[in-house]
Amino acid sequence: MKYHFFLLFVLFSVFGFSQKSKIDLKNIEKSLKNQDSPYNYEKLIFKYKGYPKSLDSIEAQYLYYGRNFRDDKVSTIDDNFKSLANVFKESNFEECIRQGKILYDKDPTNLDILLILLRAYDSRKDGSNFMHHLSQFRSLTDGIKNSGDGASEKTAYLVNSVGDEYILLNILNIGKDYTRGSKVAKDGMFDIWDKDGRKLYIKILYLDL
């Protein structure tokens, strides 16, 4: 979807990379549901919504990959998301904000929703809400970048969806001159992006299959 790309260069051209961390999905699922864990979902989402800059990389990863274990997440095939995408395409940014806020309240770590809200708030010159959601977006995408280095199947970047994969590709400046191959994996699918023998591995998670 084209709205993934509208200002990614601006958002990420100054981003750096920090230490990579191995993603333990079973531990993430367990910790998010444990009220005594520092990575309990309610504790993390409180920080994420209130002051996203306070999240460290591990906390951001728990929130991002933890979406796989939630029953209330919004899908791009849902009618309410399709409605949001349509008003975005029509540049009806006031309606984007109204609908986007409803979906954000339901699924606050959804990158598709965040991108649409960012564009809508930018169009309305609402710097406060724009910067708040930008901080959230940066935290989550930093978590993706720190999931691996993409150099092999074992160290592949992990993403929750194909849409998130294309967001990552734009962050990494992987363009149309790359060819894609795919390979079935446990709990997902590897996409291997190749240019002149240089390969980049991204694993799309399919945990509910």
C-alpha atoms as a PDB file:
ATOM      1  CA  MET A   1       0.000   0.000   0.000  1.00  0.00           C
ATOM      2  CA  LYS A   2       1.444   3.267  -1.138  1.00  0.00           C
ATOM      3  CA  TYR A   3       0.711   5.166   2.054  1.00  0.00           C
ATOM      4  CA  HIS A   4       3.523   3.198   3.702  1.00  0.00           C
ATOM      5  CA  PHE A   5       6.060   5.290   1.861  1.00  0.00           C
ATOM      6  CA  PHE A   6       4.966   8.922   2.145  1.00  0.00           C
ATOM      7  CA  LEU A   7       7.649  10.215   4.495  1.00  0.00           C
ATOM      8  CA  LEU A   8       9.762   7.244   5.498  1.00  0.00           C
ATOM      9  CA  PHE A   9      12.952   8.849   4.218  1.00  0.00           C
ATOM     10  CA  VAL A  10      12.333  11.853   6.447  1.00  0.00           C
ATOM     11  CA  LEU A  11      11.444   9.671   9.406  1.00  0.00           C
ATOM     12  CA  PHE A  12      14.425   7.365   9.241  1.00  0.00           C
ATOM     13  CA  SER A  13      17.279   9.069   7.453  1.00  0.00           C
ATOM     14  CA  VAL A  14      18.882   9.940  10.801  1.00  0.00           C
ATOM     15  CA  PHE A  15      18.213   6.620  12.528  1.00  0.00           C
ATOM     16  CA  GLY A  16      21.084   4.557  13.876  1.00  0.00           C
ATOM     17  CA  PHE A  17      21.318   0.920  14.830  1.00  0.00           C
ATOM     18  CA  SER A  18      21.766  -0.422  18.319  1.00  0.00           C
ATOM     19  CA  GLN A  19      22.590  -3.840  19.696  1.00  0.00           C
ATOM     20  CA  LYS A  20      20.612  -6.719  18.158  1.00  0.00           C
ATOM     21  CA  SER A  21      18.533  -8.915  20.419  1.00  0.00           C
ATOM     22  CA  LYS A  22      17.194 -12.420  19.815  1.00  0.00           C
ATOM     23  CA  ILE A  23      13.405 -12.495  19.731  1.00  0.00           C
ATOM     24  CA  ASP A  24      11.899 -15.127  22.031  1.00  0.00           C
ATOM     25  CA  LEU A  25       8.241 -15.194  21.024  1.00  0.00           C
ATOM     26  CA  LYS A  26       7.185 -17.694  23.679  1.00  0.00           C
ATOM     27  CA  ASN A  27       8.713 -15.556  26.418  1.00  0.00           C
ATOM     28  CA  ILE A  28       7.111 -12.429  24.965  1.00  0.00           C
ATOM     29  CA  GLU A  29       3.677 -14.047  25.022  1.00  0.00           C
ATOM     30  CA  LYS A  30       4.167 -15.287  28.590  1.00  0.00           C
ATOM     31  CA  SER A  31       5.566 -12.003  29.943  1.00  0.00           C
ATOM     32  CA  LEU A  32       2.885  -9.814  28.382  1.00  0.00           C
ATOM     33  CA  LYS A  33       0.201 -11.796  30.199  1.00  0.00           C
ATOM     34  CA  ASN A  34       2.052 -11.914  33.529  1.00  0.00           C
ATOM     35  CA  GLN A  35       0.991  -9.032  35.771  1.00  0.00           C
ATOM     36  CA  ASP A  36       4.217  -9.335  37.783  1.00  0.00           C
ATOM     37  CA  SER A  37       6.478  -9.076  34.762  1.00  0.00           C
ATOM     38  CA  PRO A  38       8.125  -5.744  33.877  1.00  0.00           C
ATOM     39  CA  TYR A  39       7.028  -6.561  30.320  1.00  0.00           C
ATOM     40  CA  ASN A  40       3.360  -6.953  31.181  1.00  0.00           C
ATOM     41  CA  TYR A  41       1.241  -5.548  28.359  1.00  0.00           C
ATOM     42  CA  GLU A  42      -0.694  -3.038  30.457  1.00  0.00           C
ATOM     43  CA  LYS A  43       2.531  -1.639  31.940  1.00  0.00           C
ATOM     44  CA  LEU A  44       4.180  -1.304  28.546  1.00  0.00           C
ATOM     45  CA  ILE A  45       1.167   0.142  26.742  1.00  0.00           C
ATOM     46  CA  PHE A  46       0.836   2.754  29.500  1.00  0.00           C
ATOM     47  CA  LYS A  47       4.399   3.934  28.797  1.00  0.00           C
ATOM     48  CA  TYR A  48       3.906   3.664  25.059  1.00  0.00           C
ATOM     49  CA  LYS A  49       0.791   5.827  25.060  1.00  0.00           C
ATOM     50  CA  GLY A  50       1.968   8.293  27.683  1.00  0.00           C
ATOM     51  CA  TYR A  51       5.633   8.827  26.922  1.00  0.00           C
ATOM     52  CA  PRO A  52       6.873   6.603  24.077  1.00  0.00           C
ATOM     53  CA  LYS A  53      10.395   8.027  24.213  1.00  0.00           C
ATOM     54  CA  SER A  54      10.799   6.284  27.587  1.00  0.00           C
ATOM     55  CA  LEU A  55      10.520   2.831  25.976  1.00  0.00           C
ATOM     56  CA  ASP A  56      13.764   0.958  25.512  1.00  0.00           C
ATOM     57  CA  SER A  57      14.367  -1.331  22.531  1.00  0.00           C
ATOM     58  CA  ILE A  58      13.379  -4.521  24.373  1.00  0.00           C
ATOM     59  CA  GLU A  59      10.113  -3.018  25.610  1.00  0.00           C
ATOM     60  CA  ALA A  60       9.303  -1.862  22.085  1.00  0.00           C
ATOM     61  CA  GLN A  61       9.937  -5.363  20.769  1.00  0.00           C
ATOM     62  CA  TYR A  62       7.612  -6.871  23.361  1.00  0.00           C
ATOM     63  CA  LEU A  63       4.868  -4.522  22.230  1.00  0.00           C
ATOM     64  CA  TYR A  64       5.495  -4.974  18.506  1.00  0.00           C
ATOM     65  CA  TYR A  65       5.813  -8.764  18.452  1.00  0.00           C
ATOM     66  CA  GLY A  66       3.231  -9.107  21.205  1.00  0.00           C
ATOM     67  CA  ARG A  67       0.567  -8.032  18.697  1.00  0.00           C
ATOM     68  CA  ASN A  68       0.692 -11.603  17.422  1.00  0.00           C
ATOM     69  CA  PHE A  69      -0.867 -12.799  20.670  1.00  0.00           C
ATOM     70  CA  ARG A  70      -3.694 -10.272  20.947  1.00  0.00           C
ATOM     71  CA  ASP A  71      -7.261 -10.931  19.883  1.00  0.00           C
ATOM     72  CA  ASP A  72      -8.209  -7.282  19.344  1.00  0.00           C
ATOM     73  CA  LYS A  73      -5.743  -6.340  16.608  1.00  0.00           C
ATOM     74  CA  VAL A  74      -6.959  -4.607  13.450  1.00  0.00           C
ATOM     75  CA  SER A  75      -6.260  -6.239  10.081  1.00  0.00           C
ATOM     76  CA  THR A  76      -5.917  -4.466   6.752  1.00  0.00           C
ATOM     77  CA  ILE A  77      -8.740  -6.707   5.452  1.00  0.00           C
ATOM     78  CA  ASP A  78     -11.175  -5.517   8.138  1.00  0.00           C
ATOM     79  CA  ASP A  79     -13.991  -3.308   6.894  1.00  0.00           C
ATOM     80  CA  ASN A  80     -13.183  -0.565   9.389  1.00  0.00           C
ATOM     81  CA  PHE A  81      -9.575  -0.412   8.192  1.00  0.00           C
ATOM     82  CA  LYS A  82     -10.667  -0.404   4.545  1.00  0.00           C
ATOM     83  CA  SER A  83     -12.890   2.572   5.380  1.00  0.00           C
ATOM     84  CA  LEU A  84      -9.923   4.376   6.934  1.00  0.00           C
ATOM     85  CA  ALA A  85      -7.752   3.607   3.900  1.00  0.00           C
ATOM     86  CA  ASN A  86     -10.438   4.948   1.558  1.00  0.00           C
ATOM     87  CA  VAL A  87     -10.789   8.299   3.320  1.00  0.00           C
ATOM     88  CA  PHE A  88      -6.999   8.535   3.346  1.00  0.00           C
ATOM     89  CA  LYS A  89      -6.898   8.030  -0.424  1.00  0.00           C
ATOM     90  CA  GLU A  90      -9.499  10.797  -0.737  1.00  0.00           C
ATOM     91  CA  SER A  91      -7.242  13.097   1.359  1.00  0.00           C
ATOM     92  CA  ASN A  92     -10.100  13.543   3.826  1.00  0.00           C
ATOM     93  CA  PHE A  93      -7.684  13.987   6.713  1.00  0.00           C
ATOM     94  CA  GLU A  94     -10.223  15.204   9.234  1.00  0.00           C
ATOM     95  CA  GLU A  95     -12.156  11.962   8.763  1.00  0.00           C
ATOM     96  CA  CYS A  96      -8.839  10.040   8.800  1.00  0.00           C
ATOM     97  CA  ILE A  97      -8.178  11.387  12.267  1.00  0.00           C
ATOM     98  CA  ARG A  98     -11.677  10.568  13.500  1.00  0.00           C
ATOM     99  CA  GLN A  99     -11.614   6.991  12.220  1.00  0.00           C
ATOM    100  CA  GLY A 100      -7.912   6.522  12.914  1.00  0.00           C
ATOM    101  CA  LYS A 101      -8.263   7.445  16.574  1.00  0.00           C
ATOM    102  CA  ILE A 102     -10.974   4.806  17.000  1.00  0.00           C
ATOM    103  CA  LEU A 103      -8.781   2.107  15.473  1.00  0.00           C
ATOM    104  CA  TYR A 104      -5.711   3.348  17.327  1.00  0.00           C
ATOM    105  CA  ASP A 105      -7.552   2.950  20.638  1.00  0.00           C
ATOM    106  CA  LYS A 106      -8.261  -0.658  19.683  1.00  0.00           C
ATOM    107  CA  ASP A 107      -4.828  -1.512  18.216  1.00  0.00           C
ATOM    108  CA  PRO A 108      -2.302   1.174  19.239  1.00  0.00           C
ATOM    109  CA  THR A 109       0.815  -0.596  17.921  1.00  0.00           C
ATOM    110  CA  ASN A 110      -0.517  -1.075  14.394  1.00  0.00           C
ATOM    111  CA  LEU A 111       2.026   0.533  12.030  1.00  0.00           C
ATOM    112  CA  ASP A 112      -0.515   0.991   9.230  1.00  0.00           C
ATOM    113  CA  ILE A 113      -2.798   3.011  11.493  1.00  0.00           C
ATOM    114  CA  LEU A 114       0.096   5.042  12.851  1.00  0.00           C
ATOM    115  CA  LEU A 115       1.280   5.951   9.354  1.00  0.00           C
ATOM    116  CA  ILE A 116      -2.157   7.190   8.336  1.00  0.00           C
ATOM    117  CA  LEU A 117      -2.497   9.234  11.525  1.00  0.00           C
ATOM    118  CA  LEU A 118       0.958  10.723  10.955  1.00  0.00           C
ATOM    119  CA  ARG A 119       0.017  11.860   7.465  1.00  0.00           C
ATOM    120  CA  ALA A 120      -3.322  13.235   8.677  1.00  0.00           C
ATOM    121  CA  TYR A 121      -1.837  15.172  11.597  1.00  0.00           C
ATOM    122  CA  ASP A 122       0.915  16.485   9.334  1.00  0.00           C
ATOM    123  CA  SER A 123      -1.671  17.776   6.877  1.00  0.00           C
ATOM    124  CA  ARG A 124      -3.524  19.540   9.696  1.00  0.00           C
ATOM    125  CA  LYS A 125      -0.308  21.101  11.039  1.00  0.00           C
ATOM    126  CA  ASP A 126      -0.906  19.340  14.371  1.00  0.00           C
ATOM    127  CA  GLY A 127       2.705  19.122  15.517  1.00  0.00           C
ATOM    128  CA  SER A 128       1.967  17.810  19.000  1.00  0.00           C
ATOM    129  CA  ASN A 129       0.033  14.714  17.905  1.00  0.00           C
ATOM    130  CA  PHE A 130       2.359  14.205  14.950  1.00  0.00           C
ATOM    131  CA  MET A 131       5.474  14.092  17.142  1.00  0.00           C
ATOM    132  CA  HIS A 132       3.771  11.861  19.709  1.00  0.00           C
ATOM    133  CA  HIS A 133       2.826   9.227  17.127  1.00  0.00           C
ATOM    134  CA  LEU A 134       6.185   9.625  15.397  1.00  0.00           C
ATOM    135  CA  SER A 135       7.925   8.676  18.645  1.00  0.00           C
ATOM    136  CA  GLN A 136       5.709   5.599  18.893  1.00  0.00           C
ATOM    137  CA  PHE A 137       6.375   4.671  15.274  1.00  0.00           C
ATOM    138  CA  ARG A 138      10.119   5.076  15.711  1.00  0.00           C
ATOM    139  CA  SER A 139      10.144   2.926  18.851  1.00  0.00           C
ATOM    140  CA  LEU A 140       8.341   0.059  17.140  1.00  0.00           C
ATOM    141  CA  THR A 141      10.372   0.172  13.929  1.00  0.00           C
ATOM    142  CA  ASP A 142      13.607   0.405  15.912  1.00  0.00           C
ATOM    143  CA  GLY A 143      12.460  -2.814  17.593  1.00  0.00           C
ATOM    144  CA  ILE A 144      12.135  -4.430  14.166  1.00  0.00           C
ATOM    145  CA  LYS A 145      15.559  -3.217  13.066  1.00  0.00           C
ATOM    146  CA  ASN A 146      17.107  -4.633  16.216  1.00  0.00           C
ATOM    147  CA  SER A 147      15.570  -8.079  15.696  1.00  0.00           C
ATOM    148  CA  GLY A 148      18.434  -9.141  13.408  1.00  0.00           C
ATOM    149  CA  ASP A 149      20.838  -8.002  10.738  1.00  0.00           C
ATOM    150  CA  GLY A 150      19.239  -9.670   7.719  1.00  0.00           C
ATOM    151  CA  ALA A 151      22.468 -11.408   6.737  1.00  0.00           C
ATOM    152  CA  SER A 152      21.165 -14.995   7.031  1.00  0.00           C
ATOM    153  CA  GLU A 153      18.099 -17.037   7.855  1.00  0.00           C
ATOM    154  CA  LYS A 154      19.246 -17.292  11.467  1.00  0.00           C
ATOM    155  CA  THR A 155      19.666 -13.534  11.781  1.00  0.00           C
ATOM    156  CA  ALA A 156      16.770 -12.460   9.560  1.00  0.00           C
ATOM    157  CA  TYR A 157      14.748  -9.381  10.416  1.00  0.00           C
ATOM    158  CA  LEU A 158      11.382 -10.399  11.852  1.00  0.00           C
ATOM    159  CA  VAL A 159       8.174  -8.626  10.852  1.00  0.00           C
ATOM    160  CA  ASN A 160       4.522  -9.227  11.664  1.00  0.00           C
ATOM    161  CA  SER A 161       3.138  -8.686   8.168  1.00  0.00           C
ATOM    162  CA  VAL A 162       3.968  -8.052   4.526  1.00  0.00           C
ATOM    163  CA  GLY A 163       2.998  -4.416   5.010  1.00  0.00           C
ATOM    164  CA  ASP A 164       5.526  -4.094   7.829  1.00  0.00           C
ATOM    165  CA  GLU A 165       8.116  -5.765   5.604  1.00  0.00           C
ATOM    166  CA  TYR A 166       7.748  -3.007   3.019  1.00  0.00           C
ATOM    167  CA  ILE A 167       8.055  -0.377   5.713  1.00  0.00           C
ATOM    168  CA  LEU A 168      11.342  -2.023   6.776  1.00  0.00           C
ATOM    169  CA  LEU A 169      12.541  -2.207   3.164  1.00  0.00           C
ATOM    170  CA  ASN A 170      12.044   1.523   2.802  1.00  0.00           C
ATOM    171  CA  ILE A 171      13.877   2.187   6.057  1.00  0.00           C
ATOM    172  CA  LEU A 172      16.788   0.082   4.779  1.00  0.00           C
ATOM    173  CA  ASN A 173      16.625   1.751   1.354  1.00  0.00           C
ATOM    174  CA  ILE A 174      16.024  -1.539  -0.438  1.00  0.00           C
ATOM    175  CA  GLY A 175      14.544  -0.574  -3.800  1.00  0.00           C
ATOM    176  CA  LYS A 176      13.147  -1.946  -7.037  1.00  0.00           C
ATOM    177  CA  ASP A 177      16.578  -3.078  -8.222  1.00  0.00           C
ATOM    178  CA  TYR A 178      16.352  -6.011  -5.798  1.00  0.00           C
ATOM    179  CA  THR A 179      14.725  -9.312  -6.740  1.00  0.00           C
ATOM    180  CA  ARG A 180      12.703 -11.318  -4.246  1.00  0.00           C
ATOM    181  CA  GLY A 181      12.701 -15.014  -3.576  1.00  0.00           C
ATOM    182  CA  SER A 182      10.608 -16.784  -0.933  1.00  0.00           C
ATOM    183  CA  LYS A 183      11.053 -19.850   1.222  1.00  0.00           C
ATOM    184  CA  VAL A 184       8.663 -21.531   3.640  1.00  0.00           C
ATOM    185  CA  ALA A 185       9.825 -21.433   7.255  1.00  0.00           C
ATOM    186  CA  LYS A 186       8.548 -22.640  10.591  1.00  0.00           C
ATOM    187  CA  ASP A 187       5.906 -20.176  11.813  1.00  0.00           C
ATOM    188  CA  GLY A 188       6.395 -17.973   8.800  1.00  0.00           C
ATOM    189  CA  MET A 189       7.934 -17.275   5.425  1.00  0.00           C
ATOM    190  CA  PHE A 190      11.363 -16.022   4.443  1.00  0.00           C
ATOM    191  CA  ASP A 191      11.613 -13.357   1.787  1.00  0.00           C
ATOM    192  CA  ILE A 192      15.143 -13.177   0.374  1.00  0.00           C
ATOM    193  CA  TRP A 193      15.943  -9.918  -1.372  1.00  0.00           C
ATOM    194  CA  ASP A 194      18.920 -10.107  -3.723  1.00  0.00           C
ATOM    195  CA  LYS A 195      20.997  -7.561  -5.611  1.00  0.00           C
ATOM    196  CA  ASP A 196      24.197  -8.638  -7.345  1.00  0.00           C
ATOM    197  CA  GLY A 197      24.675 -11.481  -4.883  1.00  0.00           C
ATOM    198  CA  ARG A 198      23.975  -9.363  -1.812  1.00  0.00           C
ATOM    199  CA  LYS A 199      21.115 -11.014   0.063  1.00  0.00           C
ATOM    200  CA  LEU A 200      18.794  -9.622   2.715  1.00  0.00           C
ATOM    201  CA  TYR A 201      16.646 -12.031   4.743  1.00  0.00           C
ATOM    202  CA  ILE A 202      13.298 -11.003   6.217  1.00  0.00           C
ATOM    203  CA  LYS A 203      11.018 -13.441   8.006  1.00  0.00           C
ATOM    204  CA  ILE A 204       7.291 -12.721   7.994  1.00  0.00           C
ATOM    205  CA  LEU A 205       5.659 -14.311  11.031  1.00  0.00           C
ATOM    206  CA  TYR A 206       2.526 -16.435  10.596  1.00  0.00           C
ATOM    207  CA  LEU A 207       1.952 -17.658  14.134  1.00  0.00           C
ATOM    208  CA  ASP A 208      -1.787 -18.241  13.807  1.00  0.00           C
ATOM    209  CA  LEU A 209      -1.584 -20.800  11.020  1.00  0.00           C
END
